[in-house]
Amino acid sequence: MKVESIESSRSPQGKLRVRFDDGSSLMILPSAMAELGLYQGMEIPDVAMDSIKDTCSKASARERAVRIISAASVSKRELEKRLIQKGEREEDAKQAVQWLTDLKLLDDEQAAQQIVRNGAAKGYGAARIRQMLFEKRIPKEYWDAALELLPPQDDAIDAFLQCRFRGRQPDKAECKRAADALARRGHSWSDIRSALERYAPDENFDD
């Protein structure tokens, strides 16, 4: 089999289309092209095609894995899951995760800490951040240490209430709506009640 042509494509990954003289073609990343040493006119034994396809598949999973971790903090299990969902082979997804781990570019403990920081920046409480850690498939062994980075909740709750009430003293109905919103953001009732008592000292929040 011979490489008939190498063409650019509109692939978001920048893949090249390699056409062979038997009418077949492969979409190959430039990095895989370099690794394989492919060039136009190259003769390829039929028995080598499986190895070429395997190299291309692994390169695709690695490239996609790098793009995912560049965009957001993810755990090893979350990254593997997302790679498979994107169509990568399970074995290639596992290999890409291990590759990034060996390069010290993928670390569940660091991912947990970054998720907590991101949640705190959005004004979320501990319960909502725990949900984020669960959704991101962070191993529970890293949760407690990461959550120690969460600052006291008073500031986040006050910032929310100041924006909500805009300097007005709220009535009980407004306080109830604000409390419900804060609960959805993961704050505890004890912290919410303490804050509301500062804004509406005449209201009874024990009912």
Protein backbone atom coordinates (compact mmCIF):
# COMPACT_ATOMS: atom_id res chain seq x y z
CA MET A 1 0.00 0.00 0.00
CA LYS A 2 1.25 3.46 -0.86
CA VAL A 3 0.52 6.92 0.63
CA GLU A 4 -1.14 8.65 -2.30
CA SER A 5 -1.65 12.13 -0.80
CA ILE A 6 -1.57 14.11 2.44
CA GLU A 7 -4.19 16.85 2.65
CA SER A 8 -5.22 19.47 5.18
CA SER A 9 -8.72 19.23 6.63
CA ARG A 10 -11.19 21.27 8.65
CA SER A 11 -10.73 19.08 11.70
CA PRO A 12 -10.74 21.16 14.92
CA GLN A 13 -7.76 19.10 16.03
CA GLY A 14 -5.81 20.05 12.91
CA LYS A 15 -5.75 16.51 11.62
CA LEU A 16 -4.43 15.73 8.15
CA ARG A 17 -6.21 13.40 5.76
CA VAL A 18 -3.88 10.70 4.48
CA ARG A 19 -5.16 8.91 1.39
CA PHE A 20 -3.86 5.53 0.25
CA ASP A 21 -3.78 4.06 -3.22
CA ASP A 22 -6.39 1.42 -2.31
CA GLY A 23 -8.98 4.19 -1.86
CA SER A 24 -8.89 4.20 1.96
CA SER A 25 -7.91 7.17 4.09
CA LEU A 26 -7.04 8.09 7.68
CA MET A 27 -7.35 11.31 9.68
CA ILE A 28 -4.01 11.73 11.44
CA LEU A 29 -2.68 14.37 13.82
CA PRO A 30 0.54 16.12 12.72
CA SER A 31 2.27 14.76 15.85
CA ALA A 32 1.34 11.20 14.84
CA MET A 33 2.49 11.91 11.28
CA ALA A 34 5.89 12.91 12.63
CA GLU A 35 6.03 9.90 14.95
CA LEU A 36 5.19 7.53 12.10
CA GLY A 37 7.38 9.32 9.56
CA LEU A 38 4.68 9.22 6.90
CA TYR A 39 5.22 11.01 3.60
CA GLN A 40 3.62 11.07 0.19
CA GLY A 41 4.69 8.13 -1.93
CA MET A 42 5.71 6.03 1.08
CA GLU A 43 5.19 2.30 0.70
CA ILE A 44 3.47 0.72 3.70
CA PRO A 45 3.18 -3.03 4.23
CA ASP A 46 -0.40 -4.16 4.82
CA VAL A 47 0.62 -5.74 8.12
CA ALA A 48 1.76 -2.30 9.37
CA MET A 49 -1.65 -0.65 9.02
CA ASP A 50 -2.98 -1.90 12.35
CA SER A 51 0.06 -0.44 14.09
CA ILE A 52 -0.41 2.88 12.28
CA LYS A 53 -4.09 3.04 13.27
CA ASP A 54 -3.19 2.21 16.87
CA THR A 55 -0.60 5.00 16.98
CA CYS A 56 -3.10 7.47 15.53
CA SER A 57 -5.77 6.45 18.04
CA LYS A 58 -3.44 6.90 21.01
CA ALA A 59 -2.22 10.27 19.71
CA SER A 60 -5.82 11.45 19.30
CA ALA A 61 -6.67 10.54 22.90
CA ARG A 62 -3.56 12.29 24.24
CA GLU A 63 -4.24 15.45 22.25
CA ARG A 64 -7.87 15.55 23.35
CA ALA A 65 -6.86 14.93 26.96
CA VAL A 66 -4.49 17.92 26.87
CA ARG A 67 -7.25 20.16 25.52
CA ILE A 68 -9.65 19.04 28.26
CA ILE A 69 -7.26 19.66 31.15
CA SER A 70 -6.27 23.00 29.64
CA ALA A 71 -9.89 24.15 29.85
CA ALA A 72 -10.85 22.94 33.33
CA SER A 73 -9.72 21.06 36.43
CA VAL A 74 -10.72 17.42 36.15
CA SER A 75 -10.00 14.24 38.05
CA LYS A 76 -8.41 11.21 36.48
CA ARG A 77 -11.71 9.35 36.43
CA GLU A 78 -13.57 12.35 35.00
CA LEU A 79 -10.99 12.78 32.25
CA GLU A 80 -11.16 9.11 31.31
CA LYS A 81 -14.96 9.27 31.23
CA ARG A 82 -14.98 12.37 29.03
CA LEU A 83 -12.47 10.92 26.59
CA ILE A 84 -14.59 7.82 26.14
CA GLN A 85 -17.71 9.96 25.72
CA LYS A 86 -15.89 11.86 22.96
CA GLY A 87 -15.33 8.61 21.10
CA GLU A 88 -11.84 7.63 22.20
CA ARG A 89 -11.20 3.94 22.86
CA GLU A 90 -11.23 2.96 26.54
CA GLU A 91 -7.67 1.62 26.39
CA ASP A 92 -6.47 4.87 24.77
CA ALA A 93 -8.31 6.96 27.37
CA LYS A 94 -6.60 5.06 30.19
CA GLN A 95 -3.23 5.43 28.49
CA ALA A 96 -3.72 9.18 28.01
CA VAL A 97 -4.64 9.61 31.69
CA GLN A 98 -1.55 7.69 32.78
CA TRP A 99 0.62 9.68 30.36
CA LEU A 100 -0.53 12.98 31.85
CA THR A 101 -0.15 11.60 35.37
CA ASP A 102 3.43 10.56 34.66
CA LEU A 103 4.11 14.07 33.33
CA LYS A 104 2.66 15.46 36.60
CA LEU A 105 0.03 17.37 34.63
CA LEU A 106 -2.90 15.51 36.16
CA ASP A 107 -3.30 15.31 39.93
CA ASP A 108 -6.56 14.56 41.77
CA GLU A 109 -5.46 16.38 44.92
CA GLN A 110 -4.64 19.57 43.01
CA ALA A 111 -7.86 19.26 41.01
CA ALA A 112 -9.85 19.05 44.26
CA GLN A 113 -8.20 22.21 45.57
CA GLN A 114 -8.89 24.10 42.35
CA ILE A 115 -12.55 23.04 42.36
CA VAL A 116 -12.91 24.37 45.92
CA ARG A 117 -11.29 27.67 44.93
CA ASN A 118 -13.56 27.99 41.91
CA GLY A 119 -16.64 27.24 44.00
CA ALA A 120 -15.63 29.75 46.66
CA ALA A 121 -15.08 32.42 43.99
CA LYS A 122 -18.67 31.87 42.85
CA GLY A 123 -19.98 32.27 46.40
CA TYR A 124 -20.92 28.63 46.86
CA GLY A 125 -21.17 26.97 50.24
CA ALA A 126 -19.61 23.72 51.41
CA ALA A 127 -22.57 21.52 50.43
CA ARG A 128 -22.60 22.77 46.83
CA ILE A 129 -18.83 22.38 46.56
CA ARG A 130 -19.05 18.81 47.85
CA GLN A 131 -21.54 18.17 45.08
CA MET A 132 -19.06 19.62 42.57
CA LEU A 133 -16.32 17.32 43.88
CA PHE A 134 -18.67 14.36 43.50
CA GLU A 135 -19.72 15.37 39.99
CA LYS A 136 -16.08 15.75 38.97
CA ARG A 137 -15.39 12.24 40.32
CA ILE A 138 -12.74 13.45 42.78
CA PRO A 139 -11.81 10.61 45.17
CA LYS A 140 -13.28 11.32 48.63
CA GLU A 141 -9.88 10.96 50.27
CA TYR A 142 -9.04 14.46 48.95
CA TRP A 143 -12.27 16.24 49.90
CA ASP A 144 -11.60 17.20 53.52
CA ALA A 145 -8.16 18.69 52.92
CA ALA A 146 -9.41 20.64 49.90
CA LEU A 147 -12.45 21.97 51.79
CA GLU A 148 -10.13 23.41 54.44
CA LEU A 149 -9.27 26.01 51.79
CA LEU A 150 -12.86 27.25 51.85
CA PRO A 151 -12.93 30.66 53.61
CA PRO A 152 -15.52 31.47 56.29
CA GLN A 153 -18.97 31.60 54.73
CA ASP A 154 -20.05 34.91 56.29
CA ASP A 155 -18.41 37.02 53.59
CA ALA A 156 -19.98 35.07 50.72
CA ILE A 157 -23.43 35.16 52.32
CA ASP A 158 -23.17 38.87 53.11
CA ALA A 159 -22.11 39.67 49.56
CA PHE A 160 -25.14 37.78 48.26
CA LEU A 161 -27.57 39.48 50.67
CA GLN A 162 -26.18 42.96 50.02
CA CYS A 163 -26.76 42.46 46.32
CA ARG A 164 -30.19 40.99 46.98
CA PHE A 165 -31.54 43.59 49.39
CA ARG A 166 -29.71 46.66 48.00
CA GLY A 167 -29.68 48.51 51.31
CA ARG A 168 -33.35 47.80 52.16
CA GLN A 169 -34.51 46.07 55.31
CA PRO A 170 -36.25 42.99 53.95
CA ASP A 171 -39.55 41.57 55.13
CA LYS A 172 -39.98 37.95 56.10
CA ALA A 173 -41.06 36.84 52.62
CA GLU A 174 -37.96 38.40 51.06
CA CYS A 175 -35.80 36.76 53.70
CA LYS A 176 -37.40 33.40 52.94
CA ARG A 177 -36.64 33.73 49.23
CA ALA A 178 -33.08 34.80 49.96
CA ALA A 179 -32.61 31.90 52.38
CA ASP A 180 -33.88 29.42 49.79
CA ALA A 181 -31.47 30.83 47.20
CA LEU A 182 -28.54 30.60 49.62
CA ALA A 183 -29.48 27.02 50.53
CA ARG A 184 -29.41 26.13 46.83
CA ARG A 185 -25.89 27.58 46.70
CA GLY A 186 -24.87 25.14 49.41
CA HIS A 187 -24.82 27.27 52.55
CA SER A 188 -25.91 25.86 55.90
CA TRP A 189 -29.08 27.07 57.59
CA SER A 190 -27.17 28.16 60.72
CA ASP A 191 -24.92 30.44 58.65
CA ILE A 192 -27.88 31.76 56.64
CA ARG A 193 -29.94 32.50 59.74
CA SER A 194 -27.06 34.33 61.45
CA ALA A 195 -26.69 36.57 58.41
CA LEU A 196 -30.41 37.23 58.02
CA GLU A 197 -30.68 38.26 61.66
CA ARG A 198 -28.22 41.06 60.93
CA TYR A 199 -30.35 42.34 58.05
CA ALA A 200 -33.77 41.83 59.63
CA PRO A 201 -33.28 41.84 63.42
CA ASP A 202 -37.01 42.13 64.09
CA GLU A 203 -37.90 38.92 62.27
CA ASN A 204 -38.11 35.50 63.91
CA PHE A 205 -36.33 32.86 61.83
CA ASP A 206 -37.00 29.92 64.11
CA ASP A 207 -40.48 29.30 62.69
